[in-house]
C-alpha atoms as a PDB file:
ATOM      1  CA  MET A   1       3.987 -10.330  -5.128  1.00  0.00           C
ATOM      2  CA  ASN A   2       2.803 -12.229  -2.047  1.00  0.00           C
ATOM      3  CA  THR A   3       2.566  -9.274   0.292  1.00  0.00           C
ATOM      4  CA  HIS A   4      -0.663  -9.244   2.288  1.00  0.00           C
ATOM      5  CA  LYS A   5      -2.416  -6.154   3.590  1.00  0.00           C
ATOM      6  CA  ALA A   6      -1.238  -5.234   7.068  1.00  0.00           C
ATOM      7  CA  LEU A   7      -3.514  -6.079   9.976  1.00  0.00           C
ATOM      8  CA  GLN A   8      -4.677  -2.954  11.875  1.00  0.00           C
ATOM      9  CA  LEU A   9      -3.745  -3.750  15.465  1.00  0.00           C
ATOM     10  CA  VAL A  10      -2.968  -0.196  16.629  1.00  0.00           C
ATOM     11  CA  THR A  11      -5.982   1.438  18.322  1.00  0.00           C
ATOM     12  CA  ARG A  12      -6.644   4.963  17.016  1.00  0.00           C
ATOM     13  CA  ASP A  13      -9.206   7.625  17.859  1.00  0.00           C
ATOM     14  CA  ASP A  14     -11.514   9.418  15.420  1.00  0.00           C
ATOM     15  CA  ASP A  15      -8.649  11.765  14.457  1.00  0.00           C
ATOM     16  CA  GLY A  16      -6.369   8.856  13.574  1.00  0.00           C
ATOM     17  CA  VAL A  17      -4.111   9.384  16.612  1.00  0.00           C
ATOM     18  CA  ALA A  18      -2.831   6.293  18.428  1.00  0.00           C
ATOM     19  CA  THR A  19      -4.601   6.339  21.783  1.00  0.00           C
ATOM     20  CA  ALA A  20      -1.580   4.812  23.512  1.00  0.00           C
ATOM     21  CA  PHE A  21       0.557   7.704  22.207  1.00  0.00           C
ATOM     22  CA  ARG A  22      -1.680  10.276  23.875  1.00  0.00           C
ATOM     23  CA  GLU A  23      -1.802   8.271  27.095  1.00  0.00           C
ATOM     24  CA  ASP A  24       1.977   7.788  27.240  1.00  0.00           C
ATOM     25  CA  VAL A  25       2.724  11.460  26.540  1.00  0.00           C
ATOM     26  CA  LEU A  26       0.289  12.792  29.150  1.00  0.00           C
ATOM     27  CA  ARG A  27       1.420  10.267  31.737  1.00  0.00           C
ATOM     28  CA  GLY A  28       5.083  10.997  31.054  1.00  0.00           C
ATOM     29  CA  LEU A  29       4.665  14.764  31.306  1.00  0.00           C
ATOM     30  CA  ASN A  30       3.126  14.335  34.762  1.00  0.00           C
ATOM     31  CA  GLN A  31       6.202  12.572  36.146  1.00  0.00           C
ATOM     32  CA  GLU A  32       8.851  14.326  38.221  1.00  0.00           C
ATOM     33  CA  GLN A  33      11.409  13.416  35.538  1.00  0.00           C
ATOM     34  CA  LYS A  34       9.351  14.012  32.433  1.00  0.00           C
ATOM     35  CA  ALA A  35       9.785  11.114  30.015  1.00  0.00           C
ATOM     36  CA  ILE A  36       8.178   9.622  26.909  1.00  0.00           C
ATOM     37  CA  PRO A  37       8.736   6.018  25.740  1.00  0.00           C
ATOM     38  CA  ALA A  38      11.250   5.847  22.886  1.00  0.00           C
ATOM     39  CA  ARG A  39       8.913   3.880  20.624  1.00  0.00           C
ATOM     40  CA  TRP A  40       7.026   7.122  19.861  1.00  0.00           C
ATOM     41  CA  LEU A  41      10.118   8.533  18.169  1.00  0.00           C
ATOM     42  CA  TYR A  42       9.265   6.285  15.219  1.00  0.00           C
ATOM     43  CA  ASP A  43       6.519   7.855  13.178  1.00  0.00           C
ATOM     44  CA  ASP A  44       7.188   7.895   9.407  1.00  0.00           C
ATOM     45  CA  ALA A  45       9.467  10.944   9.670  1.00  0.00           C
ATOM     46  CA  GLY A  46      11.244   9.534  12.708  1.00  0.00           C
ATOM     47  CA  SER A  47      11.744   6.166  11.042  1.00  0.00           C
ATOM     48  CA  GLN A  48      13.335   7.858   8.033  1.00  0.00           C
ATOM     49  CA  LEU A  49      15.566   9.980  10.267  1.00  0.00           C
ATOM     50  CA  PHE A  50      16.710   6.857  12.073  1.00  0.00           C
ATOM     51  CA  GLU A  51      17.607   5.267   8.741  1.00  0.00           C
ATOM     52  CA  ASP A  52      19.711   8.378   8.072  1.00  0.00           C
ATOM     53  CA  ILE A  53      21.373   7.963  11.479  1.00  0.00           C
ATOM     54  CA  THR A  54      22.448   4.419  10.627  1.00  0.00           C
ATOM     55  CA  GLN A  55      24.551   5.824   7.768  1.00  0.00           C
ATOM     56  CA  LEU A  56      26.461   8.307   9.952  1.00  0.00           C
ATOM     57  CA  PRO A  57      30.182   7.725  10.662  1.00  0.00           C
ATOM     58  CA  GLU A  58      29.620   8.003  14.428  1.00  0.00           C
ATOM     59  CA  TYR A  59      26.849   5.411  14.485  1.00  0.00           C
ATOM     60  CA  TYR A  60      28.704   2.087  14.544  1.00  0.00           C
ATOM     61  CA  PRO A  61      25.930  -0.412  15.564  1.00  0.00           C
ATOM     62  CA  THR A  62      24.438  -0.867  12.100  1.00  0.00           C
ATOM     63  CA  ARG A  63      27.802  -1.458  10.440  1.00  0.00           C
ATOM     64  CA  ALA A  64      28.879  -3.841  13.202  1.00  0.00           C
ATOM     65  CA  GLU A  65      25.655  -5.843  13.079  1.00  0.00           C
ATOM     66  CA  THR A  66      25.677  -5.955   9.286  1.00  0.00           C
ATOM     67  CA  GLU A  67      29.218  -7.328   9.415  1.00  0.00           C
ATOM     68  CA  ILE A  68      28.070 -10.159  11.693  1.00  0.00           C
ATOM     69  CA  LEU A  69      25.107 -10.967   9.445  1.00  0.00           C
ATOM     70  CA  LYS A  70      27.380 -11.166   6.414  1.00  0.00           C
ATOM     71  CA  GLU A  71      30.269 -13.031   8.008  1.00  0.00           C
ATOM     72  CA  GLN A  72      28.201 -15.556   9.978  1.00  0.00           C
ATOM     73  CA  SER A  73      25.651 -16.517   7.322  1.00  0.00           C
ATOM     74  CA  SER A  74      26.846 -20.135   7.269  1.00  0.00           C
ATOM     75  CA  SER A  75      26.510 -20.342  11.058  1.00  0.00           C
ATOM     76  CA  PHE A  76      22.924 -19.106  10.869  1.00  0.00           C
ATOM     77  CA  ALA A  77      22.148 -21.697   8.189  1.00  0.00           C
ATOM     78  CA  GLU A  78      23.544 -24.458  10.416  1.00  0.00           C
ATOM     79  CA  MET A  79      21.678 -23.438  13.575  1.00  0.00           C
ATOM     80  CA  ILE A  80      18.333 -22.283  12.137  1.00  0.00           C
ATOM     81  CA  ALA A  81      16.236 -25.009  10.545  1.00  0.00           C
ATOM     82  CA  PRO A  82      14.820 -24.260   7.061  1.00  0.00           C
ATOM     83  CA  GLY A  83      11.100 -23.692   6.638  1.00  0.00           C
ATOM     84  CA  CYS A  84      10.593 -21.308   9.550  1.00  0.00           C
ATOM     85  CA  ALA A  85       8.575 -18.104   9.593  1.00  0.00           C
ATOM     86  CA  VAL A  86      10.834 -15.127  10.322  1.00  0.00           C
ATOM     87  CA  VAL A  87       8.965 -12.659  12.547  1.00  0.00           C
ATOM     88  CA  GLU A  88      10.779  -9.329  12.774  1.00  0.00           C
ATOM     89  CA  PHE A  89       9.845  -7.078  15.681  1.00  0.00           C
ATOM     90  CA  GLY A  90      10.057  -3.390  14.754  1.00  0.00           C
ATOM     91  CA  SER A  91      11.130  -4.109  11.211  1.00  0.00           C
ATOM     92  CA  GLY A  92      11.636  -0.503  10.070  1.00  0.00           C
ATOM     93  CA  SER A  93      13.061  -0.482   6.556  1.00  0.00           C
ATOM     94  CA  SER A  94      14.196  -4.131   6.838  1.00  0.00           C
ATOM     95  CA  VAL A  95      17.684  -3.188   5.595  1.00  0.00           C
ATOM     96  CA  LYS A  96      19.374  -6.038   7.486  1.00  0.00           C
ATOM     97  CA  THR A  97      16.631  -8.548   6.835  1.00  0.00           C
ATOM     98  CA  PRO A  98      17.718  -9.609   3.314  1.00  0.00           C
ATOM     99  CA  LEU A  99      21.050 -10.765   4.756  1.00  0.00           C
ATOM    100  CA  LEU A 100      19.251 -13.108   7.157  1.00  0.00           C
ATOM    101  CA  LEU A 101      16.655 -14.295   4.639  1.00  0.00           C
ATOM    102  CA  SER A 102      19.410 -15.069   2.128  1.00  0.00           C
ATOM    103  CA  ALA A 103      21.346 -17.081   4.717  1.00  0.00           C
ATOM    104  CA  ILE A 104      18.462 -19.352   5.727  1.00  0.00           C
ATOM    105  CA  ASP A 105      15.526 -20.915   3.841  1.00  0.00           C
ATOM    106  CA  PRO A 106      12.394 -19.404   5.444  1.00  0.00           C
ATOM    107  CA  ALA A 107       8.794 -20.321   4.657  1.00  0.00           C
ATOM    108  CA  ALA A 108       7.453 -16.807   5.310  1.00  0.00           C
ATOM    109  CA  TYR A 109       8.425 -13.371   6.562  1.00  0.00           C
ATOM    110  CA  VAL A 110       6.252 -11.405   9.001  1.00  0.00           C
ATOM    111  CA  PRO A 111       7.459  -7.832   9.669  1.00  0.00           C
ATOM    112  CA  LEU A 112       5.840  -6.090  12.650  1.00  0.00           C
ATOM    113  CA  ASP A 113       6.019  -2.319  13.012  1.00  0.00           C
ATOM    114  CA  ILE A 114       3.990   0.476  14.581  1.00  0.00           C
ATOM    115  CA  SER A 115       4.614   2.820  11.611  1.00  0.00           C
ATOM    116  CA  GLY A 116       2.136   1.471   9.038  1.00  0.00           C
ATOM    117  CA  ASP A 117       3.044   3.410   5.883  1.00  0.00           C
ATOM    118  CA  PHE A 118       6.756   2.842   6.441  1.00  0.00           C
ATOM    119  CA  LEU A 119       6.075  -0.844   7.103  1.00  0.00           C
ATOM    120  CA  ARG A 120       4.116  -1.384   3.907  1.00  0.00           C
ATOM    121  CA  ALA A 121       6.641   0.472   1.755  1.00  0.00           C
ATOM    122  CA  SER A 122       9.471  -1.629   3.187  1.00  0.00           C
ATOM    123  CA  ALA A 123       7.511  -4.862   2.736  1.00  0.00           C
ATOM    124  CA  LYS A 124       6.848  -4.002  -0.906  1.00  0.00           C
ATOM    125  CA  GLU A 125      10.543  -3.345  -1.504  1.00  0.00           C
ATOM    126  CA  LEU A 126      11.521  -6.613   0.179  1.00  0.00           C
ATOM    127  CA  ALA A 127       8.917  -8.550  -1.825  1.00  0.00           C
ATOM    128  CA  ALA A 128      10.645  -7.398  -5.015  1.00  0.00           C
ATOM    129  CA  LYS A 129      13.908  -8.944  -3.768  1.00  0.00           C
ATOM    130  CA  PHE A 130      12.253 -12.200  -2.654  1.00  0.00           C
ATOM    131  CA  PRO A 131       9.326 -12.680  -5.066  1.00  0.00           C
ATOM    132  CA  SER A 132       8.634 -16.294  -4.045  1.00  0.00           C
ATOM    133  CA  LEU A 133       8.608 -15.602  -0.299  1.00  0.00           C
ATOM    134  CA  PRO A 134       5.194 -14.992   1.329  1.00  0.00           C
ATOM    135  CA  ILE A 135       5.367 -11.678   3.198  1.00  0.00           C
ATOM    136  CA  HIS A 136       2.732 -10.694   5.749  1.00  0.00           C
ATOM    137  CA  PRO A 137       3.251  -7.159   7.133  1.00  0.00           C
ATOM    138  CA  VAL A 138       1.487  -6.506  10.425  1.00  0.00           C
ATOM    139  CA  GLU A 139       0.944  -3.007  11.789  1.00  0.00           C
ATOM    140  CA  ALA A 140       1.151  -3.591  15.509  1.00  0.00           C
ATOM    141  CA  ASP A 141       2.532  -2.441  18.823  1.00  0.00           C
ATOM    142  CA  PHE A 142       4.944  -5.318  19.363  1.00  0.00           C
ATOM    143  CA  MET A 143       5.339  -4.387  23.034  1.00  0.00           C
ATOM    144  CA  ARG A 144       2.246  -6.527  23.521  1.00  0.00           C
ATOM    145  CA  GLN A 145       1.480 -10.063  22.391  1.00  0.00           C
ATOM    146  CA  VAL A 146       0.668 -10.028  18.666  1.00  0.00           C
ATOM    147  CA  GLU A 147      -1.726 -12.329  16.847  1.00  0.00           C
ATOM    148  CA  LEU A 148       0.219 -13.594  13.836  1.00  0.00           C
ATOM    149  CA  PRO A 149      -1.411 -13.909  10.389  1.00  0.00           C
ATOM    150  CA  THR A 150      -3.301 -17.031   9.398  1.00  0.00           C
ATOM    151  CA  GLY A 151      -0.995 -19.444   7.651  1.00  0.00           C
ATOM    152  CA  VAL A 152       2.035 -19.243   9.907  1.00  0.00           C
ATOM    153  CA  GLU A 153       0.540 -20.615  13.139  1.00  0.00           C
ATOM    154  CA  SER A 154       1.864 -24.159  12.644  1.00  0.00           C
ATOM    155  CA  VAL A 155       5.226 -23.106  11.148  1.00  0.00           C
ATOM    156  CA  PRO A 156       8.343 -22.987  13.387  1.00  0.00           C
ATOM    157  CA  LYS A 157       9.120 -19.374  14.309  1.00  0.00           C
ATOM    158  CA  LEU A 158      12.321 -17.369  14.331  1.00  0.00           C
ATOM    159  CA  GLY A 159      12.005 -13.992  15.998  1.00  0.00           C
ATOM    160  CA  PHE A 160      14.369 -11.342  14.631  1.00  0.00           C
ATOM    161  CA  PHE A 161      15.052  -8.287  16.794  1.00  0.00           C
ATOM    162  CA  PRO A 162      18.137  -6.523  15.419  1.00  0.00           C
ATOM    163  CA  GLY A 163      19.603  -3.121  16.195  1.00  0.00           C
ATOM    164  CA  SER A 164      19.773  -3.477  20.008  1.00  0.00           C
ATOM    165  CA  THR A 165      16.265  -2.031  20.303  1.00  0.00           C
ATOM    166  CA  ILE A 166      15.977  -4.091  23.488  1.00  0.00           C
ATOM    167  CA  GLY A 167      18.430  -1.579  24.948  1.00  0.00           C
ATOM    168  CA  ASN A 168      15.864   1.216  24.624  1.00  0.00           C
ATOM    169  CA  MET A 169      13.898  -0.282  27.519  1.00  0.00           C
ATOM    170  CA  ILE A 170      14.457  -0.330  31.227  1.00  0.00           C
ATOM    171  CA  ALA A 171      15.066  -3.823  32.582  1.00  0.00           C
ATOM    172  CA  ARG A 172      11.477  -4.449  33.699  1.00  0.00           C
ATOM    173  CA  THR A 173      10.026  -3.410  30.332  1.00  0.00           C
ATOM    174  CA  ALA A 174      12.662  -5.347  28.401  1.00  0.00           C
ATOM    175  CA  VAL A 175      11.862  -8.536  30.299  1.00  0.00           C
ATOM    176  CA  ASP A 176       8.136  -7.970  29.747  1.00  0.00           C
ATOM    177  CA  LEU A 177       8.802  -7.594  26.013  1.00  0.00           C
ATOM    178  CA  LEU A 178      10.884 -10.767  25.851  1.00  0.00           C
ATOM    179  CA  ARG A 179       8.088 -12.652  27.615  1.00  0.00           C
ATOM    180  CA  SER A 180       5.543 -11.155  25.217  1.00  0.00           C
ATOM    181  CA  MET A 181       7.706 -12.262  22.276  1.00  0.00           C
ATOM    182  CA  ARG A 182       7.752 -15.738  23.768  1.00  0.00           C
ATOM    183  CA  GLU A 183       3.951 -15.734  23.903  1.00  0.00           C
ATOM    184  CA  THR A 184       3.735 -14.471  20.314  1.00  0.00           C
ATOM    185  CA  LEU A 185       6.205 -17.009  18.898  1.00  0.00           C
ATOM    186  CA  GLY A 186       5.500 -19.989  21.155  1.00  0.00           C
ATOM    187  CA  GLU A 187       7.562 -22.520  23.049  1.00  0.00           C
ATOM    188  CA  GLY A 188      10.350 -23.990  20.928  1.00  0.00           C
ATOM    189  CA  ALA A 189      10.742 -20.822  18.862  1.00  0.00           C
ATOM    190  CA  LYS A 190      14.125 -19.202  18.383  1.00  0.00           C
ATOM    191  CA  LEU A 191      15.088 -15.544  18.695  1.00  0.00           C
ATOM    192  CA  LEU A 192      17.996 -13.783  16.975  1.00  0.00           C
ATOM    193  CA  ILE A 193      18.527 -10.557  18.898  1.00  0.00           C
ATOM    194  CA  GLY A 194      21.042  -7.718  18.702  1.00  0.00           C
ATOM    195  CA  MET A 195      22.623  -6.255  21.838  1.00  0.00           C
ATOM    196  CA  ASP A 196      25.118  -3.408  21.862  1.00  0.00           C
ATOM    197  CA  LEU A 197      28.160  -3.770  24.106  1.00  0.00           C
ATOM    198  CA  ILE A 198      29.628  -1.520  26.801  1.00  0.00           C
ATOM    199  CA  LYS A 199      32.552   0.587  25.549  1.00  0.00           C
ATOM    200  CA  ASP A 200      34.193   3.984  26.052  1.00  0.00           C
ATOM    201  CA  ALA A 201      31.735   6.741  26.943  1.00  0.00           C
ATOM    202  CA  GLU A 202      33.168   9.042  24.254  1.00  0.00           C
ATOM    203  CA  ILE A 203      32.333   6.545  21.503  1.00  0.00           C
ATOM    204  CA  LEU A 204      28.853   5.957  22.896  1.00  0.00           C
ATOM    205  CA  GLU A 205      27.938   9.622  23.346  1.00  0.00           C
ATOM    206  CA  ALA A 206      29.171  10.509  19.842  1.00  0.00           C
ATOM    207  CA  ALA A 207      26.936   7.802  18.383  1.00  0.00           C
ATOM    208  CA  TYR A 208      23.906   9.591  19.866  1.00  0.00           C
ATOM    209  CA  ASP A 209      25.036  13.175  19.270  1.00  0.00           C
ATOM    210  CA  ASP A 210      26.563  13.229  15.785  1.00  0.00           C
ATOM    211  CA  ALA A 211      28.370  16.228  14.347  1.00  0.00           C
ATOM    212  CA  ALA A 212      25.816  16.657  11.550  1.00  0.00           C
ATOM    213  CA  GLY A 213      22.946  16.960  14.058  1.00  0.00           C
ATOM    214  CA  VAL A 214      20.821  14.200  12.539  1.00  0.00           C
ATOM    215  CA  THR A 215      20.217  12.526  15.910  1.00  0.00           C
ATOM    216  CA  ALA A 216      19.179  15.885  17.335  1.00  0.00           C
ATOM    217  CA  GLN A 217      16.589  16.220  14.560  1.00  0.00           C
ATOM    218  CA  PHE A 218      15.409  12.683  15.331  1.00  0.00           C
ATOM    219  CA  ASN A 219      14.859  13.777  18.939  1.00  0.00           C
ATOM    220  CA  TYR A 220      13.203  17.085  17.956  1.00  0.00           C
ATOM    221  CA  ASN A 221      10.862  15.201  15.635  1.00  0.00           C
ATOM    222  CA  LEU A 222       9.118  13.747  18.687  1.00  0.00           C
ATOM    223  CA  ILE A 223       8.134  17.286  19.719  1.00  0.00           C
ATOM    224  CA  ARG A 224       6.939  18.044  16.198  1.00  0.00           C
ATOM    225  CA  ARG A 225       4.813  14.900  16.349  1.00  0.00           C
ATOM    226  CA  ILE A 226       3.335  15.832  19.729  1.00  0.00           C
ATOM    227  CA  ASN A 227       2.529  19.334  18.488  1.00  0.00           C
ATOM    228  CA  ARG A 228       0.933  17.997  15.315  1.00  0.00           C
ATOM    229  CA  GLU A 229      -1.014  15.017  16.643  1.00  0.00           C
ATOM    230  CA  LEU A 230      -1.912  16.133  20.168  1.00  0.00           C
ATOM    231  CA  ASP A 231      -2.805  19.779  19.531  1.00  0.00           C
ATOM    232  CA  ALA A 232       0.249  20.931  21.498  1.00  0.00           C
ATOM    233  CA  ASP A 233       2.259  24.154  21.452  1.00  0.00           C
ATOM    234  CA  ILE A 234       5.680  23.094  22.773  1.00  0.00           C
ATOM    235  CA  ASP A 235       8.316  25.677  21.772  1.00  0.00           C
ATOM    236  CA  LEU A 236      10.969  23.590  20.024  1.00  0.00           C
ATOM    237  CA  ASP A 237      13.441  26.498  20.134  1.00  0.00           C
ATOM    238  CA  ALA A 238      13.391  26.308  23.932  1.00  0.00           C
ATOM    239  CA  LEU A 239      14.807  22.761  23.921  1.00  0.00           C
ATOM    240  CA  LYS A 240      18.296  21.410  23.230  1.00  0.00           C
ATOM    241  CA  HIS A 241      19.238  17.826  22.366  1.00  0.00           C
ATOM    242  CA  GLU A 242      21.677  16.184  24.782  1.00  0.00           C
ATOM    243  CA  ALA A 243      23.198  12.683  24.968  1.00  0.00           C
ATOM    244  CA  ARG A 244      24.540  11.484  28.344  1.00  0.00           C
ATOM    245  CA  TRP A 245      26.342   8.320  29.410  1.00  0.00           C
ATOM    246  CA  ASN A 246      24.863   7.048  32.691  1.00  0.00           C
ATOM    247  CA  ASP A 247      27.445   4.618  34.050  1.00  0.00           C
ATOM    248  CA  GLU A 248      25.285   3.436  36.955  1.00  0.00           C
ATOM    249  CA  TYR A 249      22.676   2.065  34.560  1.00  0.00           C
ATOM    250  CA  ALA A 250      25.113   1.302  31.685  1.00  0.00           C
ATOM    251  CA  ARG A 251      23.137   3.350  29.199  1.00  0.00           C
ATOM    252  CA  VAL A 252      23.233   6.378  26.929  1.00  0.00           C
ATOM    253  CA  GLU A 253      20.302   8.706  27.651  1.00  0.00           C
ATOM    254  CA  MET A 254      18.772  11.166  25.205  1.00  0.00           C
ATOM    255  CA  HIS A 255      17.226  14.286  26.695  1.00  0.00           C
ATOM    256  CA  LEU A 256      15.632  17.487  25.473  1.00  0.00           C
ATOM    257  CA  VAL A 257      16.851  20.118  27.936  1.00  0.00           C
ATOM    258  CA  ALA A 258      14.930  23.351  28.579  1.00  0.00           C
ATOM    259  CA  GLN A 259      17.050  26.420  27.816  1.00  0.00           C
ATOM    260  CA  ARG A 260      14.632  28.673  29.741  1.00  0.00           C
ATOM    261  CA  ASP A 261      11.476  28.430  31.834  1.00  0.00           C
ATOM    262  CA  PHE A 262       8.390  27.943  29.673  1.00  0.00           C
ATOM    263  CA  LYS A 263       4.819  26.637  29.755  1.00  0.00           C
ATOM    264  CA  PHE A 264       2.959  24.642  27.121  1.00  0.00           C
ATOM    265  CA  THR A 265      -0.282  22.810  26.410  1.00  0.00           C
ATOM    266  CA  VAL A 266      -0.767  19.217  25.245  1.00  0.00           C
ATOM    267  CA  ALA A 267      -4.224  17.794  24.499  1.00  0.00           C
ATOM    268  CA  GLY A 268      -5.804  20.660  26.441  1.00  0.00           C
ATOM    269  CA  ARG A 269      -3.670  20.167  29.557  1.00  0.00           C
ATOM    270  CA  GLN A 270      -1.101  22.626  30.917  1.00  0.00           C
ATOM    271  CA  PHE A 271       2.524  21.714  31.653  1.00  0.00           C
ATOM    272  CA  ALA A 272       5.789  23.538  32.347  1.00  0.00           C
ATOM    273  CA  LEU A 273       9.535  23.009  32.138  1.00  0.00           C
ATOM    274  CA  ALA A 274      12.044  24.975  34.202  1.00  0.00           C
ATOM    275  CA  LYS A 275      15.411  25.982  32.798  1.00  0.00           C
ATOM    276  CA  GLY A 276      17.752  22.984  33.011  1.00  0.00           C
ATOM    277  CA  GLU A 277      14.881  20.508  33.417  1.00  0.00           C
ATOM    278  CA  SER A 278      14.690  17.841  30.729  1.00  0.00           C
ATOM    279  CA  LEU A 279      12.305  15.626  28.854  1.00  0.00           C
ATOM    280  CA  HIS A 280      13.881  12.146  28.806  1.00  0.00           C
ATOM    281  CA  THR A 281      13.160  10.599  25.402  1.00  0.00           C
ATOM    282  CA  GLU A 282      15.349   7.519  25.013  1.00  0.00           C
ATOM    283  CA  ASN A 283      17.616   5.077  26.784  1.00  0.00           C
ATOM    284  CA  SER A 284      20.108   2.863  25.013  1.00  0.00           C
ATOM    285  CA  HIS A 285      21.370   0.277  27.465  1.00  0.00           C
ATOM    286  CA  LYS A 286      24.645  -1.483  26.755  1.00  0.00           C
ATOM    287  CA  PHE A 287      25.446  -5.040  27.780  1.00  0.00           C
ATOM    288  CA  ASN A 288      28.191  -7.514  28.514  1.00  0.00           C
ATOM    289  CA  ARG A 289      28.005 -11.298  28.278  1.00  0.00           C
ATOM    290  CA  ARG A 290      26.536 -11.798  31.767  1.00  0.00           C
ATOM    291  CA  THR A 291      23.921  -9.050  31.658  1.00  0.00           C
ATOM    292  CA  SER A 292      22.723 -10.031  28.182  1.00  0.00           C
ATOM    293  CA  SER A 293      22.328 -13.665  29.237  1.00  0.00           C
ATOM    294  CA  MET A 294      20.503 -12.695  32.427  1.00  0.00           C
ATOM    295  CA  MET A 295      18.117 -10.465  30.483  1.00  0.00           C
ATOM    296  CA  LEU A 296      17.255 -13.246  28.033  1.00  0.00           C
ATOM    297  CA  LEU A 297      16.846 -15.881  30.739  1.00  0.00           C
ATOM    298  CA  ALA A 298      14.542 -13.595  32.720  1.00  0.00           C
ATOM    299  CA  GLY A 299      12.395 -13.258  29.607  1.00  0.00           C
ATOM    300  CA  GLY A 300      12.146 -16.998  29.045  1.00  0.00           C
ATOM    301  CA  TRP A 301      14.873 -17.366  26.393  1.00  0.00           C
ATOM    302  CA  GLU A 302      17.928 -19.603  26.772  1.00  0.00           C
ATOM    303  CA  PRO A 303      21.022 -18.351  24.892  1.00  0.00           C
ATOM    304  CA  GLN A 304      22.452 -20.880  22.448  1.00  0.00           C
ATOM    305  CA  ALA A 305      25.114 -18.962  20.538  1.00  0.00           C
ATOM    306  CA  ARG A 306      26.512 -15.456  20.220  1.00  0.00           C
ATOM    307  CA  TRP A 307      28.594 -13.666  17.637  1.00  0.00           C
ATOM    308  CA  LEU A 308      30.623 -10.429  17.790  1.00  0.00           C
ATOM    309  CA  ASP A 309      31.853  -8.122  15.057  1.00  0.00           C
ATOM    310  CA  SER A 310      35.602  -7.897  14.398  1.00  0.00           C
ATOM    311  CA  LYS A 311      36.022  -4.889  16.725  1.00  0.00           C
ATOM    312  CA  GLU A 312      33.896  -6.508  19.462  1.00  0.00           C
ATOM    313  CA  ARG A 313      31.469  -3.591  19.609  1.00  0.00           C
ATOM    314  CA  PHE A 314      28.198  -5.437  19.050  1.00  0.00           C
ATOM    315  CA  SER A 315      26.675  -8.885  19.602  1.00  0.00           C
ATOM    316  CA  LEU A 316      24.029 -11.021  17.929  1.00  0.00           C
ATOM    317  CA  ILE A 317      22.618 -13.747  20.161  1.00  0.00           C
ATOM    318  CA  LEU A 318      20.551 -16.796  19.185  1.00  0.00           C
ATOM    319  CA  ALA A 319      18.236 -17.987  21.962  1.00  0.00           C
ATOM    320  CA  GLU A 320      15.463 -20.580  22.278  1.00  0.00           C
ATOM    321  CA  ALA A 321      12.146 -20.519  24.120  1.00  0.00           C
ATOM    322  CA  ARG A 322      12.662 -23.598  26.285  1.00  0.00           C
ATOM    323  CA  PRO A 323       9.952 -25.024  28.563  1.00  0.00           C
ATOM    324  CA  ASN A 324       9.512 -22.987  31.741  1.00  0.00           C
ATOM    325  CA  ARG A 325      11.206 -24.521  34.783  1.00  0.00           C
ATOM    326  CA  SER A 326      10.920 -23.547  38.442  1.00  0.00           C
ATOM    327  CA  ALA A 327      14.248 -25.149  39.353  1.00  0.00           C
ATOM    328  CA  PRO A 328      17.381 -26.520  37.608  1.00  0.00           C
END
């Protein structure tokens, strides 16, 4: 097996807690609308819960994206030159990755993920499926520029960002991430990115508030993580999971809504939630053709091709990091 040990690029304190996690939680709890970046939903338990979500009947994005990856494999082979290094941002369990790797002829695979144990387990499983492919897992916060492993610097890069994770970010953060990806991969690199499409609010809200309550547990797990890692005492029973479609911003929002007034402590600091007040934990922005193109162009990526599933619910877009221009 050619899997290399992951590079430790996540800064942790003496207790093993990611320092950025503590900073983001404390900063978010001090805001008028309390909010925590969605990336912190994905510790090992959260990553596994999300994998469970992708199997739910209400959660269509994974099935739609998988359909595109299967049906368009020949198109990917035509448009993506062989011998590239596939760099997957937020690789998770890499369930969709084998479909892409089988369609093209890559020289290496570099999965990036903030959840180290989950990353290494997934990389080991993928290495068994592709024993001749060099795999270099990197534990990293991909929201910032990442230093790629030695050996892939001079190889053409294909960024892979499936699942519409870009939709979890507000526009400013999403553009910053796309620019950071451009810096990581370099000019001339390509990016294959998933973007979910705008559709009926009922379908969207059900996808984030399933009947079995798995998404609710995914949301509650963030509180369990805060309590465990940041010496907090947030009463989970005082919070209720809620998914809302916000038409003005074209996004589904996940909230944890206080069912009563209560106070709590996080990392030695006191906070409070009033009944009806919420902790905003995730956005999932939805796109159309124009807004997806504008987002990519703002981040330094020029769209080259796009594919939809048969029900036109989801899109995969191939873009290229062209030279920066100040005018047409």
